[in-house]
Structures are given as structure tokens and as C-alpha cells.
Amino acid sequence: MANRTNQKSYISKVEKCKQRINEKPSKFLNKIGSFICSEAKRKQRKRKGRMRKGTQYWARKREKDLQIGTKCFYEPAFERGNKKIDSEPSFLPTVEENIDTIQQLVKASYSDLNGE
């Protein structure tokens, strides 16, 4: 018979890692959202009204996604343009220019899982 005092025990951290992975999207989406909003506000032309002040993000926990925009109803006219207003895009070019930074933020938020 084997001596039970010499047996090694292992502690499984799988459930803890699963929980942290499921918690993480809301944490790094807030960082990415605040970064993109600040960059988009810098690109927007200063006007009267609330479009620049109303630029914000929504990090949705249930859907695990990020929405960036304004609450102003007239913002799509400036973003896409129409026959009276020339287009002045600010959100899509901001995201396209900062893809590398966004990827670095995501990698940094998941890097702490490697230590466990």
C-alpha cells in the first residue's frame, strides 16, 4: 500500500480563471471606451450645441460589447453627411487609427491571467 502522506495534491484554478475571463470584458471595455471617446472629441470640430459634450460610450455587460456615439439626434447628419451638410466623420477614423492601441489595451487586461 502506498503511503498517503507522500501524495501530492493539486488545486484546480479553472473555475476561478473562467470567472475572471467572464468579468474582464466589462473592465477593459470601459478603458477602451474612455480612450476612444477622448480621441473622438479631439477630432470633432467645436460647434454650438451638445454633440461634442454628448459623445460617450456604453459598455454593455449582458451583450459584452461596446457602443460609442452621442445622444444627439442630429449627429448622424454630421457623421455621414447629407445633401446640405458635408460629412465630418470622427468615430470610424478614430477607431481605425487606434487599432494597435486598442489591441495593446486588450492584451494588457488579459496578461494578469498568465501568472495564475
PDB file of N, CA and C in Angstrom:
ATOM      1  N   MET A   1       0.821  -1.182   0.000  1.00  0.00           N
ATOM      2  CA  MET A   1       0.000   0.000   0.000  1.00  0.00           C
ATOM      3  C   MET A   1       0.867   1.248   0.000  1.00  0.00           C
ATOM      4  N   ALA A   2       0.350   2.239  -0.716  1.00  0.00           N
ATOM      5  CA  ALA A   2       1.080   3.498  -0.806  1.00  0.00           C
ATOM      6  C   ALA A   2       0.829   4.337   0.441  1.00  0.00           C
ATOM      7  N   ASN A   3       1.842   5.040   0.821  1.00  0.00           N
ATOM      8  CA  ASN A   3       1.733   5.912   1.979  1.00  0.00           C
ATOM      9  C   ASN A   3       1.016   7.199   1.572  1.00  0.00           C
ATOM     10  N   ARG A   4      -0.045   7.533   2.235  1.00  0.00           N
ATOM     11  CA  ARG A   4      -0.847   8.707   1.854  1.00  0.00           C
ATOM     12  C   ARG A   4      -0.174  10.024   2.221  1.00  0.00           C
ATOM     13  N   THR A   5       0.760  10.017   3.075  1.00  0.00           N
ATOM     14  CA  THR A   5       1.411  11.264   3.455  1.00  0.00           C
ATOM     15  C   THR A   5       2.321  11.780   2.358  1.00  0.00           C
ATOM     16  N   ASN A   6       2.763  10.933   1.447  1.00  0.00           N
ATOM     17  CA  ASN A   6       3.650  11.348   0.368  1.00  0.00           C
ATOM     18  C   ASN A   6       2.905  11.777  -0.893  1.00  0.00           C
ATOM     19  N   GLN A   7       1.587  11.736  -0.876  1.00  0.00           N
ATOM     20  CA  GLN A   7       0.819  12.110  -2.058  1.00  0.00           C
ATOM     21  C   GLN A   7       0.820  13.624  -2.234  1.00  0.00           C
ATOM     22  N   LYS A   8       0.844  14.029  -3.492  1.00  0.00           N
ATOM     23  CA  LYS A   8       0.792  15.453  -3.815  1.00  0.00           C
ATOM     24  C   LYS A   8      -0.641  15.835  -4.128  1.00  0.00           C
ATOM     25  N   SER A   9      -1.007  17.014  -3.720  1.00  0.00           N
ATOM     26  CA  SER A   9      -2.365  17.486  -4.019  1.00  0.00           C
ATOM     27  C   SER A   9      -2.270  18.675  -4.971  1.00  0.00           C
ATOM     28  N   TYR A  10      -3.220  18.751  -5.871  1.00  0.00           N
ATOM     29  CA  TYR A  10      -3.276  19.821  -6.855  1.00  0.00           C
ATOM     30  C   TYR A  10      -4.569  20.604  -6.659  1.00  0.00           C
ATOM     31  N   ILE A  11      -4.460  21.905  -6.749  1.00  0.00           N
ATOM     32  CA  ILE A  11      -5.633  22.769  -6.613  1.00  0.00           C
ATOM     33  C   ILE A  11      -5.994  23.276  -7.999  1.00  0.00           C
ATOM     34  N   SER A  12      -7.214  23.033  -8.392  1.00  0.00           N
ATOM     35  CA  SER A  12      -7.671  23.464  -9.714  1.00  0.00           C
ATOM     36  C   SER A  12      -8.127  24.922  -9.659  1.00  0.00           C
ATOM     37  N   LYS A  13      -7.598  25.735 -10.557  1.00  0.00           N
ATOM     38  CA  LYS A  13      -7.983  27.141 -10.635  1.00  0.00           C
ATOM     39  C   LYS A  13      -8.783  27.426 -11.894  1.00  0.00           C
ATOM     40  N   VAL A  14      -9.322  26.377 -12.494  1.00  0.00           N
ATOM     41  CA  VAL A  14     -10.057  26.534 -13.749  1.00  0.00           C
ATOM     42  C   VAL A  14     -11.297  27.389 -13.546  1.00  0.00           C
ATOM     43  N   GLU A  15     -12.063  27.095 -12.487  1.00  0.00           N
ATOM     44  CA  GLU A  15     -13.298  27.854 -12.249  1.00  0.00           C
ATOM     45  C   GLU A  15     -12.991  29.322 -11.953  1.00  0.00           C
ATOM     46  N   LYS A  16     -11.914  29.562 -11.210  1.00  0.00           N
ATOM     47  CA  LYS A  16     -11.535  30.936 -10.894  1.00  0.00           C
ATOM     48  C   LYS A  16     -11.127  31.686 -12.162  1.00  0.00           C
ATOM     49  N   CYS A  17     -10.387  31.031 -13.041  1.00  0.00           N
ATOM     50  CA  CYS A  17      -9.978  31.663 -14.304  1.00  0.00           C
ATOM     51  C   CYS A  17     -11.179  31.915 -15.206  1.00  0.00           C
ATOM     52  N   LYS A  18     -12.118  30.978 -15.250  1.00  0.00           N
ATOM     53  CA  LYS A  18     -13.326  31.185 -16.056  1.00  0.00           C
ATOM     54  C   LYS A  18     -14.103  32.401 -15.573  1.00  0.00           C
ATOM     55  N   GLN A  19     -14.203  32.527 -14.262  1.00  0.00           N
ATOM     56  CA  GLN A  19     -14.923  33.664 -13.695  1.00  0.00           C
ATOM     57  C   GLN A  19     -14.215  34.977 -14.020  1.00  0.00           C
ATOM     58  N   ARG A  20     -12.901  35.001 -13.931  1.00  0.00           N
ATOM     59  CA  ARG A  20     -12.155  36.228 -14.226  1.00  0.00           C
ATOM     60  C   ARG A  20     -12.247  36.597 -15.697  1.00  0.00           C
ATOM     61  N   ILE A  21     -12.249  35.593 -16.578  1.00  0.00           N
ATOM     62  CA  ILE A  21     -12.388  35.872 -18.010  1.00  0.00           C
ATOM     63  C   ILE A  21     -13.761  36.459 -18.296  1.00  0.00           C
ATOM     64  N   ASN A  22     -14.787  35.936 -17.639  1.00  0.00           N
ATOM     65  CA  ASN A  22     -16.131  36.476 -17.846  1.00  0.00           C
ATOM     66  C   ASN A  22     -16.296  37.863 -17.244  1.00  0.00           C
ATOM     67  N   GLU A  23     -15.544  38.189 -16.191  1.00  0.00           N
ATOM     68  CA  GLU A  23     -15.614  39.522 -15.591  1.00  0.00           C
ATOM     69  C   GLU A  23     -14.823  40.544 -16.394  1.00  0.00           C
ATOM     70  N   LYS A  24     -13.776  40.120 -17.032  1.00  0.00           N
ATOM     71  CA  LYS A  24     -12.859  41.041 -17.694  1.00  0.00           C
ATOM     72  C   LYS A  24     -13.466  41.902 -18.795  1.00  0.00           C
ATOM     73  N   PRO A  25     -14.361  41.406 -19.651  1.00  0.00           N
ATOM     74  CA  PRO A  25     -14.832  42.268 -20.738  1.00  0.00           C
ATOM     75  C   PRO A  25     -15.365  43.608 -20.267  1.00  0.00           C
ATOM     76  N   SER A  26     -16.097  43.638 -19.187  1.00  0.00           N
ATOM     77  CA  SER A  26     -16.635  44.916 -18.725  1.00  0.00           C
ATOM     78  C   SER A  26     -15.523  45.837 -18.236  1.00  0.00           C
ATOM     79  N   LYS A  27     -14.448  45.268 -17.704  1.00  0.00           N
ATOM     80  CA  LYS A  27     -13.352  46.096 -17.207  1.00  0.00           C
ATOM     81  C   LYS A  27     -12.561  46.730 -18.344  1.00  0.00           C
ATOM     82  N   PHE A  28     -12.188  45.942 -19.355  1.00  0.00           N
ATOM     83  CA  PHE A  28     -11.376  46.545 -20.404  1.00  0.00           C
ATOM     84  C   PHE A  28     -12.217  47.313 -21.406  1.00  0.00           C
ATOM     85  N   LEU A  29     -13.511  47.024 -21.512  1.00  0.00           N
ATOM     86  CA  LEU A  29     -14.363  47.824 -22.395  1.00  0.00           C
ATOM     87  C   LEU A  29     -14.493  49.250 -21.880  1.00  0.00           C
ATOM     88  N   ASN A  30     -14.494  49.433 -20.568  1.00  0.00           N
ATOM     89  CA  ASN A  30     -14.532  50.786 -20.007  1.00  0.00           C
ATOM     90  C   ASN A  30     -13.262  51.559 -20.344  1.00  0.00           C
ATOM     91  N   LYS A  31     -12.114  50.899 -20.289  1.00  0.00           N
ATOM     92  CA  LYS A  31     -10.853  51.566 -20.631  1.00  0.00           C
ATOM     93  C   LYS A  31     -10.823  51.952 -22.109  1.00  0.00           C
ATOM     94  N   ILE A  32     -11.236  51.026 -22.971  1.00  0.00           N
ATOM     95  CA  ILE A  32     -11.232  51.287 -24.411  1.00  0.00           C
ATOM     96  C   ILE A  32     -12.233  52.378 -24.753  1.00  0.00           C
ATOM     97  N   GLY A  33     -13.408  52.330 -24.146  1.00  0.00           N
ATOM     98  CA  GLY A  33     -14.438  53.331 -24.420  1.00  0.00           C
ATOM     99  C   GLY A  33     -14.012  54.729 -24.029  1.00  0.00           C
ATOM    100  N   SER A  34     -13.403  54.877 -22.863  1.00  0.00           N
ATOM    101  CA  SER A  34     -12.962  56.209 -22.451  1.00  0.00           C
ATOM    102  C   SER A  34     -11.841  56.720 -23.347  1.00  0.00           C
ATOM    103  N   PHE A  35     -10.954  55.827 -23.787  1.00  0.00           N
ATOM    104  CA  PHE A  35      -9.869  56.239 -24.679  1.00  0.00           C
ATOM    105  C   PHE A  35     -10.408  56.708 -26.029  1.00  0.00           C
ATOM    106  N   ILE A  36     -11.316  55.932 -26.627  1.00  0.00           N
ATOM    107  CA  ILE A  36     -11.843  56.283 -27.946  1.00  0.00           C
ATOM    108  C   ILE A  36     -12.688  57.550 -27.877  1.00  0.00           C
ATOM    109  N   CYS A  37     -13.456  57.720 -26.805  1.00  0.00           N
ATOM    110  CA  CYS A  37     -14.266  58.942 -26.673  1.00  0.00           C
ATOM    111  C   CYS A  37     -13.388  60.180 -26.572  1.00  0.00           C
ATOM    112  N   SER A  38     -12.313  60.094 -25.813  1.00  0.00           N
ATOM    113  CA  SER A  38     -11.438  61.261 -25.697  1.00  0.00           C
ATOM    114  C   SER A  38     -10.776  61.588 -27.031  1.00  0.00           C
ATOM    115  N   GLU A  39     -10.383  60.556 -27.791  1.00  0.00           N
ATOM    116  CA  GLU A  39      -9.779  60.796 -29.100  1.00  0.00           C
ATOM    117  C   GLU A  39     -10.806  61.337 -30.097  1.00  0.00           C
ATOM    118  N   ALA A  40     -12.032  60.839 -30.049  1.00  0.00           N
ATOM    119  CA  ALA A  40     -13.069  61.309 -30.974  1.00  0.00           C
ATOM    120  C   ALA A  40     -13.455  62.748 -30.666  1.00  0.00           C
ATOM    121  N   LYS A  41     -13.478  63.120 -29.402  1.00  0.00           N
ATOM    122  CA  LYS A  41     -13.802  64.501 -29.029  1.00  0.00           C
ATOM    123  C   LYS A  41     -12.744  65.467 -29.550  1.00  0.00           C
ATOM    124  N   ARG A  42     -11.489  65.027 -29.561  1.00  0.00           N
ATOM    125  CA  ARG A  42     -10.437  65.900 -30.084  1.00  0.00           C
ATOM    126  C   ARG A  42     -10.580  66.119 -31.581  1.00  0.00           C
ATOM    127  N   LYS A  43     -11.123  65.127 -32.298  1.00  0.00           N
ATOM    128  CA  LYS A  43     -11.276  65.245 -33.750  1.00  0.00           C
ATOM    129  C   LYS A  43     -12.495  66.059 -34.159  1.00  0.00           C
ATOM    130  N   GLN A  44     -13.496  66.125 -33.295  1.00  0.00           N
ATOM    131  CA  GLN A  44     -14.721  66.831 -33.660  1.00  0.00           C
ATOM    132  C   GLN A  44     -14.482  68.332 -33.659  1.00  0.00           C
ATOM    133  N   ARG A  45     -15.099  68.980 -34.631  1.00  0.00           N
ATOM    134  CA  ARG A  45     -14.995  70.421 -34.730  1.00  0.00           C
ATOM    135  C   ARG A  45     -15.821  71.048 -33.616  1.00  0.00           C
ATOM    136  N   LYS A  46     -15.317  72.137 -33.050  1.00  0.00           N
ATOM    137  CA  LYS A  46     -16.024  72.790 -31.963  1.00  0.00           C
ATOM    138  C   LYS A  46     -17.208  73.559 -32.529  1.00  0.00           C
ATOM    139  N   ARG A  47     -18.393  73.246 -32.055  1.00  0.00           N
ATOM    140  CA  ARG A  47     -19.629  73.886 -32.503  1.00  0.00           C
ATOM    141  C   ARG A  47     -20.479  74.240 -31.300  1.00  0.00           C
ATOM    142  N   LYS A  48     -21.518  74.986 -31.592  1.00  0.00           N
ATOM    143  CA  LYS A  48     -22.534  75.199 -30.567  1.00  0.00           C
ATOM    144  C   LYS A  48     -23.351  73.928 -30.468  1.00  0.00           C
ATOM    145  N   GLY A  49     -23.949  73.712 -29.351  1.00  0.00           N
ATOM    146  CA  GLY A  49     -24.764  72.519 -29.184  1.00  0.00           C
ATOM    147  C   GLY A  49     -24.093  71.504 -28.282  1.00  0.00           C
ATOM    148  N   ARG A  50     -24.650  70.335 -28.253  1.00  0.00           N
ATOM    149  CA  ARG A  50     -24.219  69.313 -27.308  1.00  0.00           C
ATOM    150  C   ARG A  50     -23.547  68.105 -27.952  1.00  0.00           C
ATOM    151  N   MET A  51     -23.221  68.176 -29.231  1.00  0.00           N
ATOM    152  CA  MET A  51     -22.691  66.981 -29.876  1.00  0.00           C
ATOM    153  C   MET A  51     -21.329  66.582 -29.306  1.00  0.00           C
ATOM    154  N   ARG A  52     -20.447  67.530 -29.115  1.00  0.00           N
ATOM    155  CA  ARG A  52     -19.125  67.206 -28.587  1.00  0.00           C
ATOM    156  C   ARG A  52     -19.204  66.801 -27.115  1.00  0.00           C
ATOM    157  N   LYS A  53     -20.023  67.510 -26.352  1.00  0.00           N
ATOM    158  CA  LYS A  53     -20.180  67.169 -24.938  1.00  0.00           C
ATOM    159  C   LYS A  53     -20.938  65.863 -24.753  1.00  0.00           C
ATOM    160  N   GLY A  54     -21.802  65.534 -25.702  1.00  0.00           N
ATOM    161  CA  GLY A  54     -22.624  64.339 -25.588  1.00  0.00           C
ATOM    162  C   GLY A  54     -21.964  63.083 -26.096  1.00  0.00           C
ATOM    163  N   THR A  55     -20.732  63.174 -26.587  1.00  0.00           N
ATOM    164  CA  THR A  55     -20.020  61.983 -27.063  1.00  0.00           C
ATOM    165  C   THR A  55     -19.699  61.100 -25.868  1.00  0.00           C
ATOM    166  N   GLN A  56     -20.151  59.855 -25.938  1.00  0.00           N
ATOM    167  CA  GLN A  56     -19.966  58.948 -24.812  1.00  0.00           C
ATOM    168  C   GLN A  56     -19.944  57.504 -25.286  1.00  0.00           C
ATOM    169  N   TYR A  57     -19.722  56.609 -24.358  1.00  0.00           N
ATOM    170  CA  TYR A  57     -19.685  55.180 -24.681  1.00  0.00           C
ATOM    171  C   TYR A  57     -20.588  54.422 -23.721  1.00  0.00           C
ATOM    172  N   TRP A  58     -21.007  53.264 -24.181  1.00  0.00           N
ATOM    173  CA  TRP A  58     -21.828  52.366 -23.377  1.00  0.00           C
ATOM    174  C   TRP A  58     -21.178  50.992 -23.417  1.00  0.00           C
ATOM    175  N   ALA A  59     -20.655  50.533 -22.291  1.00  0.00           N
ATOM    176  CA  ALA A  59     -20.087  49.187 -22.182  1.00  0.00           C
ATOM    177  C   ALA A  59     -21.185  48.293 -21.619  1.00  0.00           C
ATOM    178  N   ARG A  60     -21.757  47.480 -22.481  1.00  0.00           N
ATOM    179  CA  ARG A  60     -22.896  46.658 -22.069  1.00  0.00           C
ATOM    180  C   ARG A  60     -22.396  45.313 -21.556  1.00  0.00           C
ATOM    181  N   LYS A  61     -22.779  44.980 -20.328  1.00  0.00           N
ATOM    182  CA  LYS A  61     -22.299  43.750 -19.694  1.00  0.00           C
ATOM    183  C   LYS A  61     -22.985  42.513 -20.249  1.00  0.00           C
ATOM    184  N   ARG A  62     -24.280  42.594 -20.465  1.00  0.00           N
ATOM    185  CA  ARG A  62     -25.014  41.409 -20.915  1.00  0.00           C
ATOM    186  C   ARG A  62     -24.594  41.005 -22.320  1.00  0.00           C
ATOM    187  N   GLU A  63     -24.477  41.985 -23.230  1.00  0.00           N
ATOM    188  CA  GLU A  63     -24.100  41.685 -24.612  1.00  0.00           C
ATOM    189  C   GLU A  63     -22.591  41.587 -24.787  1.00  0.00           C
ATOM    190  N   LYS A  64     -21.834  42.068 -23.800  1.00  0.00           N
ATOM    191  CA  LYS A  64     -20.370  42.086 -23.820  1.00  0.00           C
ATOM    192  C   LYS A  64     -19.845  42.801 -25.060  1.00  0.00           C
ATOM    193  N   ASP A  65     -20.368  44.015 -25.286  1.00  0.00           N
ATOM    194  CA  ASP A  65     -19.882  44.816 -26.400  1.00  0.00           C
ATOM    195  C   ASP A  65     -19.781  46.273 -25.978  1.00  0.00           C
ATOM    196  N   LEU A  66     -19.295  47.085 -26.892  1.00  0.00           N
ATOM    197  CA  LEU A  66     -19.055  48.496 -26.630  1.00  0.00           C
ATOM    198  C   LEU A  66     -19.715  49.318 -27.719  1.00  0.00           C
ATOM    199  N   GLN A  67     -20.473  50.329 -27.320  1.00  0.00           N
ATOM    200  CA  GLN A  67     -21.087  51.246 -28.274  1.00  0.00           C
ATOM    201  C   GLN A  67     -20.546  52.637 -28.002  1.00  0.00           C
ATOM    202  N   ILE A  68     -20.205  53.337 -29.082  1.00  0.00           N
ATOM    203  CA  ILE A  68     -19.674  54.688 -28.966  1.00  0.00           C
ATOM    204  C   ILE A  68     -20.514  55.593 -29.841  1.00  0.00           C
ATOM    205  N   GLY A  69     -20.909  56.737 -29.312  1.00  0.00           N
ATOM    206  CA  GLY A  69     -21.720  57.667 -30.093  1.00  0.00           C
ATOM    207  C   GLY A  69     -22.165  58.837 -29.241  1.00  0.00           C
ATOM    208  N   THR A  70     -23.179  59.532 -29.726  1.00  0.00           N
ATOM    209  CA  THR A  70     -23.764  60.635 -28.980  1.00  0.00           C
ATOM    210  C   THR A  70     -25.257  60.404 -28.853  1.00  0.00           C
ATOM    211  N   LYS A  71     -25.856  61.108 -27.913  1.00  0.00           N
ATOM    212  CA  LYS A  71     -27.298  61.020 -27.758  1.00  0.00           C
ATOM    213  C   LYS A  71     -28.014  62.038 -28.639  1.00  0.00           C
ATOM    214  N   CYS A  72     -27.263  62.887 -29.319  1.00  0.00           N
ATOM    215  CA  CYS A  72     -27.859  63.923 -30.169  1.00  0.00           C
ATOM    216  C   CYS A  72     -28.500  63.282 -31.399  1.00  0.00           C
ATOM    217  N   PHE A  73     -29.708  63.691 -31.698  1.00  0.00           N
ATOM    218  CA  PHE A  73     -30.419  63.103 -32.835  1.00  0.00           C
ATOM    219  C   PHE A  73     -29.838  63.568 -34.167  1.00  0.00           C
ATOM    220  N   TYR A  74     -29.135  64.688 -34.182  1.00  0.00           N
ATOM    221  CA  TYR A  74     -28.605  65.235 -35.430  1.00  0.00           C
ATOM    222  C   TYR A  74     -27.171  64.798 -35.711  1.00  0.00           C
ATOM    223  N   GLU A  75     -26.589  63.978 -34.858  1.00  0.00           N
ATOM    224  CA  GLU A  75     -25.206  63.541 -35.049  1.00  0.00           C
ATOM    225  C   GLU A  75     -24.996  62.744 -36.326  1.00  0.00           C
ATOM    226  N   PRO A  76     -25.902  61.841 -36.736  1.00  0.00           N
ATOM    227  CA  PRO A  76     -25.669  61.108 -37.993  1.00  0.00           C
ATOM    228  C   PRO A  76     -25.569  62.015 -39.213  1.00  0.00           C
ATOM    229  N   ALA A  77     -26.226  63.161 -39.189  1.00  0.00           N
ATOM    230  CA  ALA A  77     -26.127  64.090 -40.316  1.00  0.00           C
ATOM    231  C   ALA A  77     -24.704  64.620 -40.451  1.00  0.00           C
ATOM    232  N   PHE A  78     -24.040  64.881 -39.338  1.00  0.00           N
ATOM    233  CA  PHE A  78     -22.663  65.361 -39.396  1.00  0.00           C
ATOM    234  C   PHE A  78     -21.682  64.220 -39.654  1.00  0.00           C
ATOM    235  N   GLU A  79     -21.953  63.063 -39.110  1.00  0.00           N
ATOM    236  CA  GLU A  79     -21.036  61.925 -39.268  1.00  0.00           C
ATOM    237  C   GLU A  79     -21.050  61.397 -40.701  1.00  0.00           C
ATOM    238  N   ARG A  80     -22.220  61.199 -41.254  1.00  0.00           N
ATOM    239  CA  ARG A  80     -22.345  60.627 -42.602  1.00  0.00           C
ATOM    240  C   ARG A  80     -22.542  61.677 -43.677  1.00  0.00           C
ATOM    241  N   GLY A  81     -23.097  62.802 -43.308  1.00  0.00           N
ATOM    242  CA  GLY A  81     -23.374  63.855 -44.273  1.00  0.00           C
ATOM    243  C   GLY A  81     -24.714  63.654 -44.951  1.00  0.00           C
ATOM    244  N   ASN A  82     -25.205  64.715 -45.541  1.00  0.00           N
ATOM    245  CA  ASN A  82     -26.411  64.649 -46.366  1.00  0.00           C
ATOM    246  C   ASN A  82     -26.282  65.702 -47.453  1.00  0.00           C
ATOM    247  N   LYS A  83     -27.365  66.014 -48.144  1.00  0.00           N
ATOM    248  CA  LYS A  83     -27.223  66.932 -49.274  1.00  0.00           C
ATOM    249  C   LYS A  83     -26.952  68.370 -48.842  1.00  0.00           C
ATOM    250  N   LYS A  84     -27.232  68.720 -47.594  1.00  0.00           N
ATOM    251  CA  LYS A  84     -26.968  70.074 -47.114  1.00  0.00           C
ATOM    252  C   LYS A  84     -25.689  70.182 -46.285  1.00  0.00           C
ATOM    253  N   ILE A  85     -25.264  69.084 -45.697  1.00  0.00           N
ATOM    254  CA  ILE A  85     -24.117  69.102 -44.787  1.00  0.00           C
ATOM    255  C   ILE A  85     -23.055  68.138 -45.304  1.00  0.00           C
ATOM    256  N   ASP A  86     -21.815  68.616 -45.403  1.00  0.00           N
ATOM    257  CA  ASP A  86     -20.705  67.736 -45.771  1.00  0.00           C
ATOM    258  C   ASP A  86     -20.398  66.791 -44.608  1.00  0.00           C
ATOM    259  N   SER A  87     -19.966  65.586 -44.945  1.00  0.00           N
ATOM    260  CA  SER A  87     -19.681  64.612 -43.886  1.00  0.00           C
ATOM    261  C   SER A  87     -18.396  64.990 -43.158  1.00  0.00           C
ATOM    262  N   GLU A  88     -18.428  64.852 -41.848  1.00  0.00           N
ATOM    263  CA  GLU A  88     -17.270  65.080 -40.989  1.00  0.00           C
ATOM    264  C   GLU A  88     -17.139  63.884 -40.049  1.00  0.00           C
ATOM    265  N   PRO A  89     -16.673  62.749 -40.559  1.00  0.00           N
ATOM    266  CA  PRO A  89     -16.604  61.560 -39.702  1.00  0.00           C
ATOM    267  C   PRO A  89     -15.574  61.725 -38.592  1.00  0.00           C
ATOM    268  N   SER A  90     -15.932  61.264 -37.416  1.00  0.00           N
ATOM    269  CA  SER A  90     -14.997  61.334 -36.294  1.00  0.00           C
ATOM    270  C   SER A  90     -14.844  59.990 -35.590  1.00  0.00           C
ATOM    271  N   PHE A  91     -15.877  59.166 -35.555  1.00  0.00           N
ATOM    272  CA  PHE A  91     -15.802  57.914 -34.800  1.00  0.00           C
ATOM    273  C   PHE A  91     -15.052  56.822 -35.557  1.00  0.00           C
ATOM    274  N   LEU A  92     -15.432  56.553 -36.785  1.00  0.00           N
ATOM    275  CA  LEU A  92     -14.795  55.471 -37.546  1.00  0.00           C
ATOM    276  C   LEU A  92     -13.308  55.739 -37.803  1.00  0.00           C
ATOM    277  N   PRO A  93     -12.906  56.946 -38.234  1.00  0.00           N
ATOM    278  CA  PRO A  93     -11.461  57.178 -38.406  1.00  0.00           C
ATOM    279  C   PRO A  93     -10.675  57.060 -37.101  1.00  0.00           C
ATOM    280  N   THR A  94     -11.290  57.450 -35.992  1.00  0.00           N
ATOM    281  CA  THR A  94     -10.613  57.339 -34.701  1.00  0.00           C
ATOM    282  C   THR A  94     -10.337  55.885 -34.357  1.00  0.00           C
ATOM    283  N   VAL A  95     -11.315  55.024 -34.563  1.00  0.00           N
ATOM    284  CA  VAL A  95     -11.133  53.599 -34.269  1.00  0.00           C
ATOM    285  C   VAL A  95     -10.106  52.992 -35.217  1.00  0.00           C
ATOM    286  N   GLU A  96     -10.167  53.339 -36.505  1.00  0.00           N
ATOM    287  CA  GLU A  96      -9.228  52.777 -37.477  1.00  0.00           C
ATOM    288  C   GLU A  96      -7.794  53.202 -37.197  1.00  0.00           C
ATOM    289  N   GLU A  97      -7.590  54.434 -36.740  1.00  0.00           N
ATOM    290  CA  GLU A  97      -6.237  54.914 -36.460  1.00  0.00           C
ATOM    291  C   GLU A  97      -5.656  54.300 -35.189  1.00  0.00           C
ATOM    292  N   ASN A  98      -6.507  53.899 -34.262  1.00  0.00           N
ATOM    293  CA  ASN A  98      -6.037  53.438 -32.959  1.00  0.00           C
ATOM    294  C   ASN A  98      -6.237  51.944 -32.733  1.00  0.00           C
ATOM    295  N   ILE A  99      -6.272  51.161 -33.790  1.00  0.00           N
ATOM    296  CA  ILE A  99      -6.464  49.713 -33.639  1.00  0.00           C
ATOM    297  C   ILE A  99      -5.315  49.095 -32.844  1.00  0.00           C
ATOM    298  N   ASP A 100      -4.085  49.528 -33.088  1.00  0.00           N
ATOM    299  CA  ASP A 100      -2.941  48.975 -32.356  1.00  0.00           C
ATOM    300  C   ASP A 100      -3.039  49.276 -30.862  1.00  0.00           C
ATOM    301  N   THR A 101      -3.444  50.488 -30.522  1.00  0.00           N
ATOM    302  CA  THR A 101      -3.586  50.860 -29.115  1.00  0.00           C
ATOM    303  C   THR A 101      -4.688  50.051 -28.447  1.00  0.00           C
ATOM    304  N   ILE A 102      -5.779  49.829 -29.156  1.00  0.00           N
ATOM    305  CA  ILE A 102      -6.884  49.035 -28.613  1.00  0.00           C
ATOM    306  C   ILE A 102      -6.427  47.602 -28.360  1.00  0.00           C
ATOM    307  N   GLN A 103      -5.661  47.040 -29.290  1.00  0.00           N
ATOM    308  CA  GLN A 103      -5.157  45.680 -29.105  1.00  0.00           C
ATOM    309  C   GLN A 103      -4.206  45.600 -27.914  1.00  0.00           C
ATOM    310  N   GLN A 104      -3.391  46.629 -27.710  1.00  0.00           N
ATOM    311  CA  GLN A 104      -2.491  46.638 -26.562  1.00  0.00           C
ATOM    312  C   GLN A 104      -3.265  46.711 -25.252  1.00  0.00           C
ATOM    313  N   LEU A 105      -4.355  47.491 -25.223  1.00  0.00           N
ATOM    314  CA  LEU A 105      -5.176  47.569 -24.016  1.00  0.00           C
ATOM    315  C   LEU A 105      -5.816  46.219 -23.695  1.00  0.00           C
ATOM    316  N   VAL A 106      -6.264  45.510 -24.719  1.00  0.00           N
ATOM    317  CA  VAL A 106      -6.873  44.191 -24.506  1.00  0.00           C
ATOM    318  C   VAL A 106      -5.826  43.197 -24.012  1.00  0.00           C
ATOM    319  N   LYS A 107      -4.638  43.205 -24.618  1.00  0.00           N
ATOM    320  CA  LYS A 107      -3.578  42.286 -24.186  1.00  0.00           C
ATOM    321  C   LYS A 107      -3.159  42.566 -22.750  1.00  0.00           C
ATOM    322  N   ALA A 108      -3.071  43.837 -22.386  1.00  0.00           N
ATOM    323  CA  ALA A 108      -2.671  44.188 -21.024  1.00  0.00           C
ATOM    324  C   ALA A 108      -3.709  43.745 -20.003  1.00  0.00           C
ATOM    325  N   SER A 109      -4.976  43.811 -20.371  1.00  0.00           N
ATOM    326  CA  SER A 109      -6.011  43.413 -19.411  1.00  0.00           C
ATOM    327  C   SER A 109      -6.049  41.907 -19.211  1.00  0.00           C
ATOM    328  N   TYR A 110      -5.657  41.128 -20.206  1.00  0.00           N
ATOM    329  CA  TYR A 110      -5.642  39.677 -20.072  1.00  0.00           C
ATOM    330  C   TYR A 110      -4.286  39.130 -19.628  1.00  0.00           C
ATOM    331  N   SER A 111      -3.272  39.967 -19.539  1.00  0.00           N
ATOM    332  CA  SER A 111      -1.936  39.472 -19.204  1.00  0.00           C
ATOM    333  C   SER A 111      -1.842  38.967 -17.767  1.00  0.00           C
ATOM    334  N   ASP A 112      -2.684  39.469 -16.871  1.00  0.00           N
ATOM    335  CA  ASP A 112      -2.593  39.025 -15.486  1.00  0.00           C
ATOM    336  C   ASP A 112      -3.091  37.594 -15.300  1.00  0.00           C
ATOM    337  N   LEU A 113      -3.787  37.028 -16.280  1.00  0.00           N
ATOM    338  CA  LEU A 113      -4.222  35.630 -16.179  1.00  0.00           C
ATOM    339  C   LEU A 113      -3.068  34.656 -16.395  1.00  0.00           C
ATOM    340  N   ASN A 114      -1.994  35.101 -17.043  1.00  0.00           N
ATOM    341  CA  ASN A 114      -0.856  34.216 -17.294  1.00  0.00           C
ATOM    342  C   ASN A 114      -0.133  33.840 -16.003  1.00  0.00           C
ATOM    343  N   GLY A 115      -0.168  34.717 -15.016  1.00  0.00           N
ATOM    344  CA  GLY A 115       0.523  34.457 -13.759  1.00  0.00           C
ATOM    345  C   GLY A 115      -0.158  33.416 -12.895  1.00  0.00           C
ATOM    346  N   GLU A 116      -1.404  33.110 -13.178  1.00  0.00           N
ATOM    347  CA  GLU A 116      -2.134  32.165 -12.322  1.00  0.00           C
ATOM    348  C   GLU A 116      -2.188  30.791 -12.927  1.00  0.00           C
TER     349      GLU A 116
END
